[in-house]
C-alpha atoms as a PDB file:
ATOM      1  CA  UNK A   1      -6.387  12.370  11.854  1.00  0.00           C
ATOM      2  CA  UNK A   2      -5.702   9.118   9.896  1.00  0.00           C
ATOM      3  CA  UNK A   3      -1.941   9.667  10.430  1.00  0.00           C
ATOM      4  CA  UNK A   4      -2.489  10.043  14.191  1.00  0.00           C
ATOM      5  CA  UNK A   5      -4.624   6.885  14.338  1.00  0.00           C
ATOM      6  CA  UNK A   6      -2.090   4.965  12.269  1.00  0.00           C
ATOM      7  CA  UNK A   7       0.915   6.015  14.376  1.00  0.00           C
ATOM      8  CA  UNK A   8      -0.746   5.756  17.773  1.00  0.00           C
ATOM      9  CA  UNK A   9      -3.054   2.756  17.475  1.00  0.00           C
ATOM     10  CA  UNK A  10      -2.449   0.651  14.361  1.00  0.00           C
ATOM     11  CA  UNK A  11       1.338   0.222  14.228  1.00  0.00           C
ATOM     12  CA  UNK A  12       1.813  -0.456  17.989  1.00  0.00           C
ATOM     13  CA  UNK A  13      -0.639  -3.395  17.800  1.00  0.00           C
ATOM     14  CA  UNK A  14       1.883  -5.613  15.990  1.00  0.00           C
ATOM     15  CA  UNK A  15      -0.538  -6.841  13.329  1.00  0.00           C
ATOM     16  CA  UNK A  16       2.041  -8.631  11.183  1.00  0.00           C
ATOM     17  CA  UNK A  17       1.713 -11.981  12.961  1.00  0.00           C
ATOM     18  CA  UNK A  18      -0.185 -15.116  12.030  1.00  0.00           C
ATOM     19  CA  UNK A  19      -3.556 -16.472  13.059  1.00  0.00           C
ATOM     20  CA  UNK A  20      -4.810 -15.165  16.382  1.00  0.00           C
ATOM     21  CA  UNK A  21      -5.493 -18.086  18.718  1.00  0.00           C
ATOM     22  CA  UNK A  22      -5.760 -16.297  22.049  1.00  0.00           C
ATOM     23  CA  UNK A  23      -9.032 -16.069  23.928  1.00  0.00           C
ATOM     24  CA  UNK A  24     -10.213 -15.207  27.410  1.00  0.00           C
ATOM     25  CA  UNK A  25      -8.426 -17.564  29.802  1.00  0.00           C
ATOM     26  CA  UNK A  26      -9.891 -16.410  33.117  1.00  0.00           C
ATOM     27  CA  UNK A  27     -12.672 -18.908  33.829  1.00  0.00           C
ATOM     28  CA  UNK A  28     -14.893 -16.531  35.814  1.00  0.00           C
ATOM     29  CA  UNK A  29     -14.639 -13.877  33.113  1.00  0.00           C
ATOM     30  CA  UNK A  30     -15.328 -16.491  30.431  1.00  0.00           C
ATOM     31  CA  UNK A  31     -18.482 -17.652  32.225  1.00  0.00           C
ATOM     32  CA  UNK A  32     -19.593 -14.046  32.718  1.00  0.00           C
ATOM     33  CA  UNK A  33     -19.285 -13.335  28.990  1.00  0.00           C
ATOM     34  CA  UNK A  34     -21.003 -16.607  28.072  1.00  0.00           C
ATOM     35  CA  UNK A  35     -23.961 -15.954  30.372  1.00  0.00           C
ATOM     36  CA  UNK A  36     -24.465 -12.474  28.936  1.00  0.00           C
ATOM     37  CA  UNK A  37     -24.243 -13.710  25.360  1.00  0.00           C
ATOM     38  CA  UNK A  38     -26.750 -16.490  25.943  1.00  0.00           C
ATOM     39  CA  UNK A  39     -29.244 -13.915  27.182  1.00  0.00           C
ATOM     40  CA  UNK A  40     -28.673 -11.645  24.171  1.00  0.00           C
ATOM     41  CA  UNK A  41     -28.970 -14.571  21.745  1.00  0.00           C
ATOM     42  CA  UNK A  42     -32.281 -15.585  23.312  1.00  0.00           C
ATOM     43  CA  UNK A  43     -33.599 -12.010  23.032  1.00  0.00           C
ATOM     44  CA  UNK A  44     -32.488 -11.739  19.408  1.00  0.00           C
ATOM     45  CA  UNK A  45     -34.164 -15.029  18.464  1.00  0.00           C
ATOM     46  CA  UNK A  46     -37.377 -13.913  20.160  1.00  0.00           C
ATOM     47  CA  UNK A  47     -37.267 -10.629  18.252  1.00  0.00           C
ATOM     48  CA  UNK A  48     -36.685 -12.471  14.970  1.00  0.00           C
ATOM     49  CA  UNK A  49     -39.730 -14.669  15.558  1.00  0.00           C
ATOM     50  CA  UNK A  50     -41.871 -11.630  16.293  1.00  0.00           C
ATOM     51  CA  UNK A  51     -40.687  -9.849  13.145  1.00  0.00           C
ATOM     52  CA  UNK A  52     -40.808 -12.909  10.874  1.00  0.00           C
ATOM     53  CA  UNK A  53     -44.240 -12.039   9.372  1.00  0.00           C
ATOM     54  CA  UNK A  54     -42.820  -8.670   8.273  1.00  0.00           C
ATOM     55  CA  UNK A  55     -39.710 -10.264   6.755  1.00  0.00           C
ATOM     56  CA  UNK A  56     -41.431 -12.978   4.681  1.00  0.00           C
ATOM     57  CA  UNK A  57     -41.872 -10.812   1.558  1.00  0.00           C
ATOM     58  CA  UNK A  58     -38.280  -9.582   1.728  1.00  0.00           C
ATOM     59  CA  UNK A  59     -36.879 -13.076   2.272  1.00  0.00           C
ATOM     60  CA  UNK A  60     -38.549 -14.209  -0.961  1.00  0.00           C
ATOM     61  CA  UNK A  61     -36.503 -11.652  -2.924  1.00  0.00           C
ATOM     62  CA  UNK A  62     -33.227 -13.043  -4.262  1.00  0.00           C
ATOM     63  CA  UNK A  63     -31.107  -9.980  -3.440  1.00  0.00           C
ATOM     64  CA  UNK A  64     -32.357  -9.858   0.150  1.00  0.00           C
ATOM     65  CA  UNK A  65     -31.660 -13.584   0.560  1.00  0.00           C
ATOM     66  CA  UNK A  66     -28.094 -13.009  -0.629  1.00  0.00           C
ATOM     67  CA  UNK A  67     -27.575 -10.180   1.872  1.00  0.00           C
ATOM     68  CA  UNK A  68     -29.081 -12.231   4.689  1.00  0.00           C
ATOM     69  CA  UNK A  69     -26.908 -15.213   3.825  1.00  0.00           C
ATOM     70  CA  UNK A  70     -23.778 -13.037   3.820  1.00  0.00           C
ATOM     71  CA  UNK A  71     -24.749 -11.515   7.167  1.00  0.00           C
ATOM     72  CA  UNK A  72     -24.804 -14.994   8.675  1.00  0.00           C
ATOM     73  CA  UNK A  73     -21.679 -16.256   6.893  1.00  0.00           C
ATOM     74  CA  UNK A  74     -19.164 -13.883   5.270  1.00  0.00           C
ATOM     75  CA  UNK A  75     -18.267 -14.431   1.622  1.00  0.00           C
ATOM     76  CA  UNK A  76     -14.556 -14.416   2.397  1.00  0.00           C
ATOM     77  CA  UNK A  77     -11.758 -16.973   2.599  1.00  0.00           C
ATOM     78  CA  UNK A  78     -10.012 -17.734   5.873  1.00  0.00           C
ATOM     79  CA  UNK A  79      -6.670 -16.054   6.390  1.00  0.00           C
ATOM     80  CA  UNK A  80      -3.647 -17.249   8.358  1.00  0.00           C
ATOM     81  CA  UNK A  81      -2.362 -13.681   8.456  1.00  0.00           C
ATOM     82  CA  UNK A  82      -4.201 -11.328  10.781  1.00  0.00           C
ATOM     83  CA  UNK A  83      -6.354  -8.670   9.167  1.00  0.00           C
ATOM     84  CA  UNK A  84      -7.601  -5.233  10.164  1.00  0.00           C
ATOM     85  CA  UNK A  85     -11.398  -5.259  10.370  1.00  0.00           C
ATOM     86  CA  UNK A  86     -13.068  -1.889   9.741  1.00  0.00           C
ATOM     87  CA  UNK A  87     -16.796  -1.330  10.172  1.00  0.00           C
ATOM     88  CA  UNK A  88     -19.105   1.396   8.861  1.00  0.00           C
ATOM     89  CA  UNK A  89     -22.887   1.682   8.887  1.00  0.00           C
ATOM     90  CA  UNK A  90     -23.920   3.599   5.779  1.00  0.00           C
ATOM     91  CA  UNK A  91     -22.699   5.617   2.796  1.00  0.00           C
ATOM     92  CA  UNK A  92     -21.466   8.627   4.800  1.00  0.00           C
ATOM     93  CA  UNK A  93     -19.410   6.522   7.187  1.00  0.00           C
ATOM     94  CA  UNK A  94     -18.021   4.446   4.304  1.00  0.00           C
ATOM     95  CA  UNK A  95     -16.768   7.536   2.467  1.00  0.00           C
ATOM     96  CA  UNK A  96     -15.341   9.082   5.635  1.00  0.00           C
ATOM     97  CA  UNK A  97     -12.903   6.167   5.991  1.00  0.00           C
ATOM     98  CA  UNK A  98     -11.137   6.833   2.666  1.00  0.00           C
ATOM     99  CA  UNK A  99      -7.982   8.440   4.103  1.00  0.00           C
ATOM    100  CA  UNK A 100      -7.620   5.819   6.820  1.00  0.00           C
ATOM    101  CA  UNK A 101      -8.159   2.945   4.364  1.00  0.00           C
ATOM    102  CA  UNK A 102      -5.586   4.365   1.937  1.00  0.00           C
ATOM    103  CA  UNK A 103      -3.090   4.720   4.774  1.00  0.00           C
ATOM    104  CA  UNK A 104      -3.693   1.198   6.055  1.00  0.00           C
ATOM    105  CA  UNK A 105      -3.700  -0.354   2.603  1.00  0.00           C
ATOM    106  CA  UNK A 106      -0.229   1.030   1.967  1.00  0.00           C
ATOM    107  CA  UNK A 107       1.101  -0.885   4.972  1.00  0.00           C
ATOM    108  CA  UNK A 108      -1.222  -3.910   5.071  1.00  0.00           C
ATOM    109  CA  UNK A 109      -2.161  -4.430   1.420  1.00  0.00           C
ATOM    110  CA  UNK A 110      -4.577  -7.318   0.979  1.00  0.00           C
ATOM    111  CA  UNK A 111      -5.287  -7.482   4.703  1.00  0.00           C
ATOM    112  CA  UNK A 112      -8.032  -4.890   5.105  1.00  0.00           C
ATOM    113  CA  UNK A 113     -11.659  -5.999   5.532  1.00  0.00           C
ATOM    114  CA  UNK A 114     -14.524  -3.488   5.604  1.00  0.00           C
ATOM    115  CA  UNK A 115     -17.960  -4.595   6.826  1.00  0.00           C
ATOM    116  CA  UNK A 116     -20.978  -2.408   6.069  1.00  0.00           C
ATOM    117  CA  UNK A 117     -24.486  -2.515   7.514  1.00  0.00           C
ATOM    118  CA  UNK A 118     -26.813  -0.917   4.936  1.00  0.00           C
ATOM    119  CA  UNK A 119     -27.229  -2.214   1.342  1.00  0.00           C
ATOM    120  CA  UNK A 120     -26.534   1.270  -0.070  1.00  0.00           C
ATOM    121  CA  UNK A 121     -23.393   1.551   2.055  1.00  0.00           C
ATOM    122  CA  UNK A 122     -22.245  -1.880   0.891  1.00  0.00           C
ATOM    123  CA  UNK A 123     -22.691  -0.959  -2.784  1.00  0.00           C
ATOM    124  CA  UNK A 124     -20.841   2.317  -2.184  1.00  0.00           C
ATOM    125  CA  UNK A 125     -17.961   0.524  -0.467  1.00  0.00           C
ATOM    126  CA  UNK A 126     -17.625  -2.003  -3.315  1.00  0.00           C
ATOM    127  CA  UNK A 127     -17.455   0.886  -5.779  1.00  0.00           C
ATOM    128  CA  UNK A 128     -15.131   3.124  -3.745  1.00  0.00           C
ATOM    129  CA  UNK A 129     -12.703   0.476  -2.439  1.00  0.00           C
ATOM    130  CA  UNK A 130     -12.157  -2.151  -5.103  1.00  0.00           C
ATOM    131  CA  UNK A 131      -8.695  -2.957  -3.701  1.00  0.00           C
ATOM    132  CA  UNK A 132      -9.897  -4.171  -0.272  1.00  0.00           C
ATOM    133  CA  UNK A 133     -12.333  -6.856   0.857  1.00  0.00           C
ATOM    134  CA  UNK A 134     -15.889  -5.560   1.447  1.00  0.00           C
ATOM    135  CA  UNK A 135     -18.478  -7.701   3.231  1.00  0.00           C
ATOM    136  CA  UNK A 136     -21.934  -7.329   4.751  1.00  0.00           C
ATOM    137  CA  UNK A 137     -21.924  -6.682   8.495  1.00  0.00           C
ATOM    138  CA  UNK A 138     -22.689  -9.676  10.716  1.00  0.00           C
ATOM    139  CA  UNK A 139     -25.922 -10.331  12.558  1.00  0.00           C
ATOM    140  CA  UNK A 140     -25.278  -9.824  16.287  1.00  0.00           C
ATOM    141  CA  UNK A 141     -25.513 -13.488  17.297  1.00  0.00           C
ATOM    142  CA  UNK A 142     -22.603 -15.170  19.078  1.00  0.00           C
ATOM    143  CA  UNK A 143     -22.147 -18.079  16.670  1.00  0.00           C
ATOM    144  CA  UNK A 144     -22.347 -15.668  13.706  1.00  0.00           C
ATOM    145  CA  UNK A 145     -19.754 -13.284  15.174  1.00  0.00           C
ATOM    146  CA  UNK A 146     -17.440 -16.214  15.919  1.00  0.00           C
ATOM    147  CA  UNK A 147     -17.836 -17.404  12.319  1.00  0.00           C
ATOM    148  CA  UNK A 148     -16.788 -13.948  11.097  1.00  0.00           C
ATOM    149  CA  UNK A 149     -13.824 -13.910  13.494  1.00  0.00           C
ATOM    150  CA  UNK A 150     -12.699 -17.341  12.281  1.00  0.00           C
ATOM    151  CA  UNK A 151     -12.902 -16.240   8.635  1.00  0.00           C
ATOM    152  CA  UNK A 152     -11.443 -12.729   9.003  1.00  0.00           C
ATOM    153  CA  UNK A 153      -8.861 -13.495  11.712  1.00  0.00           C
ATOM    154  CA  UNK A 154      -8.821  -9.868  12.917  1.00  0.00           C
ATOM    155  CA  UNK A 155      -5.856  -8.372  14.733  1.00  0.00           C
ATOM    156  CA  UNK A 156      -7.844  -5.193  15.337  1.00  0.00           C
ATOM    157  CA  UNK A 157     -11.466  -4.044  14.997  1.00  0.00           C
ATOM    158  CA  UNK A 158     -11.988  -0.388  14.026  1.00  0.00           C
ATOM    159  CA  UNK A 159     -15.538   0.923  14.581  1.00  0.00           C
ATOM    160  CA  UNK A 160     -16.562   4.204  12.929  1.00  0.00           C
ATOM    161  CA  UNK A 161     -18.553   6.770  14.990  1.00  0.00           C
ATOM    162  CA  UNK A 162     -20.657   4.886  17.565  1.00  0.00           C
ATOM    163  CA  UNK A 163     -22.306   1.496  17.489  1.00  0.00           C
ATOM    164  CA  UNK A 164     -22.845  -0.748  20.490  1.00  0.00           C
ATOM    165  CA  UNK A 165     -23.618  -4.329  19.483  1.00  0.00           C
ATOM    166  CA  UNK A 166     -23.470  -6.421  22.682  1.00  0.00           C
ATOM    167  CA  UNK A 167     -22.475  -9.814  21.303  1.00  0.00           C
ATOM    168  CA  UNK A 168     -20.053  -8.351  18.783  1.00  0.00           C
ATOM    169  CA  UNK A 169     -18.184  -6.461  21.506  1.00  0.00           C
ATOM    170  CA  UNK A 170     -18.271  -9.417  23.916  1.00  0.00           C
ATOM    171  CA  UNK A 171     -17.001 -11.834  21.275  1.00  0.00           C
ATOM    172  CA  UNK A 172     -14.158  -9.485  20.344  1.00  0.00           C
ATOM    173  CA  UNK A 173     -13.217  -9.279  24.005  1.00  0.00           C
ATOM    174  CA  UNK A 174     -13.537 -13.025  24.464  1.00  0.00           C
ATOM    175  CA  UNK A 175     -11.166 -13.575  21.518  1.00  0.00           C
ATOM    176  CA  UNK A 176      -8.867 -10.798  22.766  1.00  0.00           C
ATOM    177  CA  UNK A 177      -9.200  -8.696  19.631  1.00  0.00           C
ATOM    178  CA  UNK A 178      -8.438  -5.008  20.393  1.00  0.00           C
ATOM    179  CA  UNK A 179     -11.248  -2.562  19.563  1.00  0.00           C
ATOM    180  CA  UNK A 180     -10.751   1.034  18.462  1.00  0.00           C
ATOM    181  CA  UNK A 181     -13.648   3.467  17.966  1.00  0.00           C
ATOM    182  CA  UNK A 182     -12.735   6.312  15.586  1.00  0.00           C
ATOM    183  CA  UNK A 183     -14.551   9.500  14.575  1.00  0.00           C
ATOM    184  CA  UNK A 184     -16.569   9.135  17.782  1.00  0.00           C
ATOM    185  CA  UNK A 185     -19.610  11.348  18.107  1.00  0.00           C
ATOM    186  CA  UNK A 186     -23.093  11.218  19.600  1.00  0.00           C
ATOM    187  CA  UNK A 187     -26.117  13.454  19.036  1.00  0.00           C
ATOM    188  CA  UNK A 188     -28.142  14.852  21.913  1.00  0.00           C
ATOM    189  CA  UNK A 189     -31.031  12.523  21.039  1.00  0.00           C
ATOM    190  CA  UNK A 190     -28.816   9.438  20.890  1.00  0.00           C
ATOM    191  CA  UNK A 191     -27.133  10.477  24.137  1.00  0.00           C
ATOM    192  CA  UNK A 192     -30.494  10.713  25.918  1.00  0.00           C
ATOM    193  CA  UNK A 193     -31.479   7.286  24.574  1.00  0.00           C
ATOM    194  CA  UNK A 194     -28.208   5.693  25.693  1.00  0.00           C
ATOM    195  CA  UNK A 195     -28.581   7.344  29.096  1.00  0.00           C
ATOM    196  CA  UNK A 196     -32.143   6.059  29.389  1.00  0.00           C
ATOM    197  CA  UNK A 197     -30.823   2.509  28.971  1.00  0.00           C
ATOM    198  CA  UNK A 198     -27.498   3.113  30.700  1.00  0.00           C
ATOM    199  CA  UNK A 199     -28.139   0.128  32.987  1.00  0.00           C
ATOM    200  CA  UNK A 200     -27.744  -1.991  29.836  1.00  0.00           C
ATOM    201  CA  UNK A 201     -25.183  -0.148  27.665  1.00  0.00           C
ATOM    202  CA  UNK A 202     -22.848   1.180  30.366  1.00  0.00           C
ATOM    203  CA  UNK A 203     -21.102  -2.163  30.842  1.00  0.00           C
ATOM    204  CA  UNK A 204     -20.016  -2.328  27.173  1.00  0.00           C
ATOM    205  CA  UNK A 205     -18.188   0.997  26.829  1.00  0.00           C
ATOM    206  CA  UNK A 206     -15.241  -0.042  29.061  1.00  0.00           C
ATOM    207  CA  UNK A 207     -14.702  -3.138  26.893  1.00  0.00           C
ATOM    208  CA  UNK A 208     -13.649  -0.952  23.929  1.00  0.00           C
ATOM    209  CA  UNK A 209      -9.887  -0.320  24.118  1.00  0.00           C
ATOM    210  CA  UNK A 210      -9.673   3.228  22.741  1.00  0.00           C
ATOM    211  CA  UNK A 211     -12.063   6.051  21.796  1.00  0.00           C
ATOM    212  CA  UNK A 212     -10.893   8.614  19.231  1.00  0.00           C
ATOM    213  CA  UNK A 213     -13.474  11.408  19.267  1.00  0.00           C
ATOM    214  CA  UNK A 214     -14.325  14.135  16.749  1.00  0.00           C
ATOM    215  CA  UNK A 215     -14.483  17.031  19.222  1.00  0.00           C
ATOM    216  CA  UNK A 216     -14.074  17.944  22.875  1.00  0.00           C
ATOM    217  CA  UNK A 217     -17.844  18.462  23.235  1.00  0.00           C
ATOM    218  CA  UNK A 218     -18.328  14.665  23.017  1.00  0.00           C
ATOM    219  CA  UNK A 219     -15.743  13.879  25.702  1.00  0.00           C
ATOM    220  CA  UNK A 220     -18.017  14.349  28.704  1.00  0.00           C
ATOM    221  CA  UNK A 221     -20.885  12.503  27.019  1.00  0.00           C
ATOM    222  CA  UNK A 222     -18.766   9.416  26.388  1.00  0.00           C
ATOM    223  CA  UNK A 223     -17.467   9.495  29.970  1.00  0.00           C
ATOM    224  CA  UNK A 224     -21.027   9.731  31.316  1.00  0.00           C
ATOM    225  CA  UNK A 225     -21.998   6.756  29.160  1.00  0.00           C
ATOM    226  CA  UNK A 226     -19.244   4.660  30.719  1.00  0.00           C
ATOM    227  CA  UNK A 227     -16.148   5.147  28.555  1.00  0.00           C
ATOM    228  CA  UNK A 228     -13.051   5.304  30.807  1.00  0.00           C
ATOM    229  CA  UNK A 229     -11.509   8.766  30.601  1.00  0.00           C
ATOM    230  CA  UNK A 230      -8.027   7.303  30.202  1.00  0.00           C
ATOM    231  CA  UNK A 231      -9.117   5.621  26.965  1.00  0.00           C
ATOM    232  CA  UNK A 232     -10.409   8.797  25.276  1.00  0.00           C
ATOM    233  CA  UNK A 233      -8.535  10.982  22.780  1.00  0.00           C
ATOM    234  CA  UNK A 234      -9.950  13.969  20.860  1.00  0.00           C
ATOM    235  CA  UNK A 235      -8.373  14.072  17.411  1.00  0.00           C
ATOM    236  CA  UNK A 236     -10.825  15.707  14.982  1.00  0.00           C
ATOM    237  CA  UNK A 237     -13.306  14.562  12.370  1.00  0.00           C
ATOM    238  CA  UNK A 238     -12.341  12.073   9.660  1.00  0.00           C
ATOM    239  CA  UNK A 239     -15.209  13.396   7.510  1.00  0.00           C
ATOM    240  CA  UNK A 240     -13.898  16.943   7.880  1.00  0.00           C
ATOM    241  CA  UNK A 241     -10.387  15.761   6.963  1.00  0.00           C
ATOM    242  CA  UNK A 242     -11.821  14.111   3.860  1.00  0.00           C
ATOM    243  CA  UNK A 243     -13.764  17.240   2.900  1.00  0.00           C
ATOM    244  CA  UNK A 244     -10.684  19.401   3.447  1.00  0.00           C
ATOM    245  CA  UNK A 245      -8.594  17.138   1.229  1.00  0.00           C
ATOM    246  CA  UNK A 246     -11.222  17.299  -1.519  1.00  0.00           C
ATOM    247  CA  UNK A 247     -11.508  21.085  -1.257  1.00  0.00           C
ATOM    248  CA  UNK A 248      -7.706  21.441  -1.588  1.00  0.00           C
ATOM    249  CA  UNK A 249      -7.752  19.329  -4.754  1.00  0.00           C
ATOM    250  CA  UNK A 250     -10.264  21.652  -6.480  1.00  0.00           C
ATOM    251  CA  UNK A 251      -8.430  24.056  -8.841  1.00  0.00           C
ATOM    252  CA  UNK A 252      -8.534  27.734  -7.932  1.00  0.00           C
ATOM    253  CA  UNK A 253     -10.260  30.360 -10.041  1.00  0.00           C
ATOM    254  CA  UNK A 254      -7.065  31.591 -11.827  1.00  0.00           C
ATOM    255  CA  UNK A 255      -6.212  28.046 -12.916  1.00  0.00           C
ATOM    256  CA  UNK A 256      -9.752  27.446 -14.151  1.00  0.00           C
ATOM    257  CA  UNK A 257      -9.691  30.687 -16.191  1.00  0.00           C
ATOM    258  CA  UNK A 258      -6.482  29.566 -17.901  1.00  0.00           C
ATOM    259  CA  UNK A 259      -8.341  26.640 -19.422  1.00  0.00           C
ATOM    260  CA  UNK A 260     -11.364  28.667 -20.590  1.00  0.00           C
END
């Protein structure tokens, strides 16, 4: 699967150029995106105020303050060369990207950035991928996402499995950064939840440029959620590819007996 993604989606993007300066030029589309993002920012700030009493104790801890600071401003230098921005949520998703990261790093060494949501996933990524840049995932506020874009200078955003962050997707689209969702899957519970709020989420699926799904059984679900059928490919499971590679590297019983 990583080879298919690399050949079909990474190389054709022409990611060897300099800093990306393009953004949405259509004024009506620009205003539409801005209006949506202002609403989401307002809702996020309201939610933060409501949850502030629960966060006070965590904010007082040094490690949590560091994570929060890095989620508002990435600890990374600006780059004139475009980078490939990968995103994973937790430990499982981080490990599942190994083959793809190795493939990309061979072609774009020093230009791979991996953002991770959970603290455990971040620690895992730092340990597993010492040869790429690992950062904490951004908070989904417009000015924060733009700060990350300015620092990373992405030529492509690769999302693992399924995450819909409204401002993140809108800001990528506004800055004309292509978005690729790989290893796409959705559980029955998550599907019902997305369907329940389809009036909200449905408008974001078409903004993602390509969907590379794990299995055919997810195809109809993604279409029903709003993903354009023309943008969907079914190419297998990155996690399964990783497990298969590991299993092939384990010595067979005859070889083990030789060393006993």
